[in-house]
């Protein structure tokens, strides 16, 4: 976890997405959304897709937002 956080802090988009997955499994949805957003904004397609799913389903801290889901 510490190595992923370090890599994500250095701008590694794949590490950001992996942190999003870990927080999703732990049902820590605010952190999930934050990491998937960072990964998506960094241009990682996997993070974009997962962020779109969060918006589509309205999981945890993310309210359902279908236009945002389509955008991502």
N, C-alpha and C. Protein backbone atom coordinates (compact mmCIF):
# COMPACT_ATOMS: atom_id res chain seq x y z
N UNK A 1 0.83 -1.18 0.00
CA UNK A 1 0.00 0.00 0.00
C UNK A 1 0.88 1.25 0.00
N UNK A 2 1.92 1.23 0.83
CA UNK A 2 2.79 2.40 0.93
C UNK A 2 3.51 2.65 -0.40
N UNK A 3 3.92 1.58 -1.07
CA UNK A 3 4.60 1.76 -2.36
C UNK A 3 3.65 2.28 -3.42
N UNK A 4 2.41 1.80 -3.41
CA UNK A 4 1.42 2.32 -4.35
C UNK A 4 1.15 3.79 -4.10
N UNK A 5 1.02 4.17 -2.84
CA UNK A 5 0.79 5.57 -2.51
C UNK A 5 1.96 6.45 -2.94
N UNK A 6 3.17 5.93 -2.77
CA UNK A 6 4.35 6.68 -3.19
C UNK A 6 4.36 6.86 -4.71
N UNK A 7 4.10 5.77 -5.43
CA UNK A 7 4.07 5.84 -6.89
C UNK A 7 2.95 6.76 -7.37
N UNK A 8 1.78 6.67 -6.75
CA UNK A 8 0.66 7.53 -7.13
C UNK A 8 1.00 8.99 -6.87
N UNK A 9 1.67 9.25 -5.78
CA UNK A 9 2.09 10.61 -5.45
C UNK A 9 3.08 11.18 -6.46
N UNK A 10 3.77 10.29 -7.16
CA UNK A 10 4.72 10.71 -8.19
C UNK A 10 4.07 10.75 -9.57
N UNK A 11 2.72 10.55 -9.62
CA UNK A 11 1.99 10.69 -10.87
C UNK A 11 1.78 9.41 -11.65
N UNK A 12 2.03 8.25 -11.05
CA UNK A 12 1.87 6.98 -11.74
C UNK A 12 0.38 6.62 -11.77
N UNK A 13 -0.24 6.73 -12.93
CA UNK A 13 -1.69 6.55 -13.07
C UNK A 13 -2.13 5.13 -12.72
N UNK A 14 -1.34 4.12 -13.08
CA UNK A 14 -1.71 2.74 -12.78
C UNK A 14 -1.77 2.52 -11.27
N UNK A 15 -0.85 3.12 -10.52
CA UNK A 15 -0.88 3.02 -9.06
C UNK A 15 -2.13 3.68 -8.50
N UNK A 16 -2.54 4.80 -9.10
CA UNK A 16 -3.76 5.48 -8.67
C UNK A 16 -4.97 4.57 -8.84
N UNK A 17 -5.05 3.90 -9.98
CA UNK A 17 -6.16 2.99 -10.25
C UNK A 17 -6.15 1.81 -9.28
N UNK A 18 -4.99 1.26 -9.01
CA UNK A 18 -4.90 0.14 -8.07
C UNK A 18 -5.33 0.56 -6.67
N UNK A 19 -4.96 1.76 -6.26
CA UNK A 19 -5.43 2.26 -4.96
C UNK A 19 -6.95 2.38 -4.95
N UNK A 20 -7.51 2.81 -6.07
CA UNK A 20 -8.97 2.87 -6.18
C UNK A 20 -9.60 1.50 -6.00
N UNK A 21 -9.00 0.48 -6.61
CA UNK A 21 -9.52 -0.89 -6.46
C UNK A 21 -9.43 -1.36 -5.02
N UNK A 22 -8.32 -1.10 -4.38
CA UNK A 22 -8.15 -1.53 -2.99
C UNK A 22 -9.20 -0.88 -2.10
N UNK A 23 -9.42 0.41 -2.28
CA UNK A 23 -10.40 1.11 -1.45
C UNK A 23 -11.83 0.65 -1.77
N UNK A 24 -12.08 0.27 -3.02
CA UNK A 24 -13.41 -0.25 -3.37
C UNK A 24 -13.67 -1.56 -2.64
N UNK A 25 -12.69 -2.45 -2.60
CA UNK A 25 -12.85 -3.72 -1.90
C UNK A 25 -13.09 -3.48 -0.41
N UNK A 26 -12.45 -2.48 0.12
CA UNK A 26 -12.62 -2.13 1.55
C UNK A 26 -13.90 -1.33 1.80
N UNK A 27 -14.63 -1.03 0.74
CA UNK A 27 -15.86 -0.23 0.79
C UNK A 27 -15.61 1.17 1.33
N UNK A 28 -14.46 1.73 0.99
CA UNK A 28 -14.10 3.10 1.33
C UNK A 28 -14.30 3.94 0.07
N UNK A 29 -15.57 4.26 -0.19
CA UNK A 29 -15.94 4.80 -1.49
C UNK A 29 -15.46 6.22 -1.76
N UNK A 30 -15.29 7.02 -0.72
CA UNK A 30 -14.75 8.37 -0.96
C UNK A 30 -13.34 8.28 -1.51
N UNK A 31 -12.53 7.41 -0.91
CA UNK A 31 -11.17 7.21 -1.39
C UNK A 31 -11.17 6.54 -2.77
N UNK A 32 -12.10 5.61 -2.98
CA UNK A 32 -12.22 4.95 -4.28
C UNK A 32 -12.43 5.99 -5.36
N UNK A 33 -13.41 6.86 -5.15
CA UNK A 33 -13.72 7.89 -6.14
C UNK A 33 -12.55 8.84 -6.34
N UNK A 34 -11.88 9.20 -5.26
CA UNK A 34 -10.75 10.13 -5.36
C UNK A 34 -9.63 9.54 -6.20
N UNK A 35 -9.27 8.28 -5.96
CA UNK A 35 -8.17 7.67 -6.70
C UNK A 35 -8.55 7.39 -8.15
N UNK A 36 -9.77 6.92 -8.39
CA UNK A 36 -10.18 6.70 -9.78
C UNK A 36 -10.23 8.02 -10.54
N UNK A 37 -10.65 9.09 -9.87
CA UNK A 37 -10.68 10.41 -10.52
C UNK A 37 -9.26 10.85 -10.89
N UNK A 38 -8.33 10.69 -9.97
CA UNK A 38 -6.95 11.08 -10.26
C UNK A 38 -6.38 10.25 -11.41
N UNK A 39 -6.64 8.96 -11.40
CA UNK A 39 -6.16 8.10 -12.47
C UNK A 39 -6.80 8.44 -13.80
N UNK A 40 -8.11 8.73 -13.77
CA UNK A 40 -8.82 9.10 -15.00
C UNK A 40 -8.30 10.42 -15.56
N UNK A 41 -8.08 11.38 -14.68
CA UNK A 41 -7.56 12.67 -15.13
C UNK A 41 -6.13 12.55 -15.66
N UNK A 42 -5.41 11.51 -15.21
CA UNK A 42 -4.06 11.26 -15.71
C UNK A 42 -4.09 10.53 -17.05
N UNK A 43 -5.30 10.11 -17.48
CA UNK A 43 -5.43 9.52 -18.81
C UNK A 43 -5.47 8.00 -18.86
N UNK A 44 -5.61 7.32 -17.73
CA UNK A 44 -5.63 5.86 -17.73
C UNK A 44 -7.04 5.35 -18.05
N UNK A 45 -7.21 4.63 -19.16
CA UNK A 45 -8.55 4.14 -19.55
C UNK A 45 -9.22 3.29 -18.48
N UNK A 46 -8.49 2.45 -17.78
CA UNK A 46 -9.06 1.61 -16.73
C UNK A 46 -9.69 2.46 -15.63
N UNK A 47 -9.02 3.52 -15.25
CA UNK A 47 -9.54 4.41 -14.21
C UNK A 47 -10.76 5.18 -14.73
N UNK A 48 -10.73 5.57 -16.00
CA UNK A 48 -11.88 6.26 -16.59
C UNK A 48 -13.11 5.37 -16.56
N UNK A 49 -12.93 4.10 -16.95
CA UNK A 49 -14.05 3.16 -16.96
C UNK A 49 -14.60 2.96 -15.55
N UNK A 50 -13.71 2.73 -14.58
CA UNK A 50 -14.16 2.49 -13.22
C UNK A 50 -14.82 3.71 -12.61
N UNK A 51 -14.35 4.88 -12.95
CA UNK A 51 -15.00 6.11 -12.48
C UNK A 51 -16.39 6.24 -13.10
N UNK A 52 -16.50 5.89 -14.36
CA UNK A 52 -17.81 5.92 -15.03
C UNK A 52 -18.79 4.96 -14.35
N UNK A 53 -18.31 3.78 -13.96
CA UNK A 53 -19.17 2.81 -13.27
C UNK A 53 -19.63 3.38 -11.93
N UNK A 54 -18.71 4.02 -11.19
CA UNK A 54 -19.10 4.63 -9.91
C UNK A 54 -20.21 5.65 -10.11
N UNK A 55 -20.05 6.50 -11.14
CA UNK A 55 -21.07 7.51 -11.41
C UNK A 55 -22.37 6.87 -11.88
N UNK A 56 -22.29 5.86 -12.69
CA UNK A 56 -23.51 5.22 -13.21
C UNK A 56 -24.30 4.54 -12.10
N UNK A 57 -23.60 3.85 -11.20
CA UNK A 57 -24.27 3.10 -10.15
C UNK A 57 -24.53 3.92 -8.89
N UNK A 58 -23.85 5.06 -8.77
CA UNK A 58 -24.01 5.87 -7.57
C UNK A 58 -23.48 5.17 -6.34
N UNK A 59 -22.29 4.64 -6.44
CA UNK A 59 -21.72 3.85 -5.34
C UNK A 59 -21.13 4.75 -4.26
N UNK A 60 -21.49 4.46 -3.03
CA UNK A 60 -20.89 5.12 -1.88
C UNK A 60 -21.01 6.62 -1.89
N UNK A 61 -19.88 7.31 -1.94
CA UNK A 61 -19.85 8.77 -1.84
C UNK A 61 -20.23 9.46 -3.14
N UNK A 62 -20.38 8.69 -4.21
CA UNK A 62 -20.70 9.27 -5.52
C UNK A 62 -22.18 9.10 -5.79
N UNK A 63 -22.87 10.21 -6.00
CA UNK A 63 -24.30 10.16 -6.34
C UNK A 63 -24.45 9.71 -7.79
N UNK A 64 -25.55 9.05 -8.13
CA UNK A 64 -25.75 8.67 -9.53
C UNK A 64 -25.71 9.90 -10.43
N UNK A 65 -24.90 9.84 -11.45
CA UNK A 65 -24.74 10.94 -12.39
C UNK A 65 -24.47 10.35 -13.76
N UNK A 66 -25.55 10.05 -14.48
CA UNK A 66 -25.42 9.37 -15.77
C UNK A 66 -24.70 10.20 -16.82
N UNK A 67 -24.91 11.52 -16.91
CA UNK A 67 -24.12 12.28 -17.87
C UNK A 67 -22.61 12.22 -17.59
N UNK A 68 -22.23 12.25 -16.31
CA UNK A 68 -20.80 12.14 -15.98
C UNK A 68 -20.28 10.76 -16.33
N UNK A 69 -21.12 9.74 -16.12
CA UNK A 69 -20.70 8.36 -16.47
C UNK A 69 -20.44 8.27 -17.96
N UNK A 70 -21.31 8.85 -18.76
CA UNK A 70 -21.13 8.80 -20.21
C UNK A 70 -19.88 9.58 -20.62
N UNK A 71 -19.63 10.69 -19.96
CA UNK A 71 -18.45 11.50 -20.27
C UNK A 71 -17.17 10.71 -20.03
N UNK A 72 -17.10 10.00 -18.91
CA UNK A 72 -15.90 9.21 -18.62
C UNK A 72 -15.87 7.96 -19.44
